[in-house]
């Protein structure tokens, strides 16, 4: 199914979920940067299609989408994502 072309209401709900998840990712990354023991920088870049796909994926597919992120970040990201209702 194409979620973007069906109805505007569904797309509005979609956008809200995407924004929440990006905020979760951003806060996790900022906490990592403030930790003095670890001075690595993590860049997480998602284009809009990937963000929307992440919303509808189950947990295993979600991990595949973010497999380029450092393993330590990836585990926290996975735990944060599972808290949201899909």
Protein backbone atom coordinates (compact mmCIF):
# COMPACT_ATOMS: atom_id res chain seq x y z
CA UNK A 1 0.00 0.00 0.00
CA UNK A 2 1.10 3.52 -0.66
CA UNK A 3 0.54 5.47 2.54
CA UNK A 4 1.45 8.85 1.07
CA UNK A 5 -1.06 8.98 -1.75
CA UNK A 6 -4.15 7.69 0.06
CA UNK A 7 -5.49 10.22 2.54
CA UNK A 8 -4.20 13.38 4.16
CA UNK A 9 -5.34 12.32 7.62
CA UNK A 10 -3.17 9.24 7.57
CA UNK A 11 -0.22 11.29 6.36
CA UNK A 12 -0.65 13.82 9.17
CA UNK A 13 -0.55 11.05 11.77
CA UNK A 14 2.47 9.66 9.98
CA UNK A 15 4.34 12.95 10.22
CA UNK A 16 3.73 13.19 13.96
CA UNK A 17 5.14 9.72 14.53
CA UNK A 18 8.20 10.48 12.40
CA UNK A 19 8.91 13.67 14.33
CA UNK A 20 8.67 11.87 17.66
CA UNK A 21 11.08 9.18 16.55
CA UNK A 22 13.58 11.69 15.24
CA UNK A 23 13.44 13.49 18.57
CA UNK A 24 14.18 10.21 20.34
CA UNK A 25 17.19 9.62 18.10
CA UNK A 26 18.44 13.15 18.58
CA UNK A 27 18.27 13.04 22.38
CA UNK A 28 20.13 9.72 22.45
CA UNK A 29 22.90 11.11 20.28
CA UNK A 30 23.24 14.26 22.37
CA UNK A 31 23.57 12.21 25.55
CA UNK A 32 26.36 10.23 23.91
CA UNK A 33 28.22 13.38 22.94
CA UNK A 34 28.06 14.78 26.47
CA UNK A 35 29.69 11.68 27.89
CA UNK A 36 33.35 12.63 28.49
CA UNK A 37 34.64 9.07 28.23
CA UNK A 38 33.49 8.70 24.63
CA UNK A 39 34.52 11.40 22.23
CA UNK A 40 33.18 9.80 19.07
CA UNK A 41 30.62 11.69 17.00
CA UNK A 42 27.56 9.99 15.61
CA UNK A 43 25.76 11.33 12.58
CA UNK A 44 22.33 9.91 11.90
CA UNK A 45 20.95 11.00 8.54
CA UNK A 46 17.64 9.70 7.26
CA UNK A 47 15.84 10.94 4.21
CA UNK A 48 12.03 11.27 4.57
CA UNK A 49 11.20 7.97 2.87
CA UNK A 50 13.39 6.00 5.24
CA UNK A 51 11.88 7.79 8.24
CA UNK A 52 8.38 6.87 7.09
CA UNK A 53 9.38 3.28 6.42
CA UNK A 54 10.86 3.01 9.90
CA UNK A 55 7.44 3.79 11.36
CA UNK A 56 5.81 0.82 9.67
CA UNK A 57 8.61 -1.70 10.08
CA UNK A 58 8.72 -4.35 12.77
CA UNK A 59 11.70 -4.52 15.08
CA UNK A 60 14.02 -6.66 12.92
CA UNK A 61 13.50 -4.56 9.80
CA UNK A 62 14.04 -1.46 11.88
CA UNK A 63 17.46 -2.72 12.91
CA UNK A 64 18.31 -3.34 9.27
CA UNK A 65 17.41 0.24 8.39
CA UNK A 66 19.87 1.65 10.92
CA UNK A 67 22.63 -0.90 10.47
CA UNK A 68 25.17 1.77 9.51
CA UNK A 69 24.99 3.31 12.98
CA UNK A 70 27.49 2.32 15.67
CA UNK A 71 26.43 -0.83 17.55
CA UNK A 72 26.21 0.95 20.89
CA UNK A 73 23.87 3.61 19.52
CA UNK A 74 21.92 0.98 17.61
CA UNK A 75 20.91 -0.91 20.75
CA UNK A 76 19.65 2.23 22.46
CA UNK A 77 17.85 3.28 19.30
CA UNK A 78 16.16 -0.12 19.12
CA UNK A 79 15.01 0.07 22.73
CA UNK A 80 13.66 3.57 22.24
CA UNK A 81 11.78 2.59 19.09
CA UNK A 82 10.08 -0.42 20.64
CA UNK A 83 8.38 1.87 23.18
CA UNK A 84 6.26 3.41 20.42
CA UNK A 85 3.06 1.73 19.28
CA UNK A 86 3.13 0.48 15.72
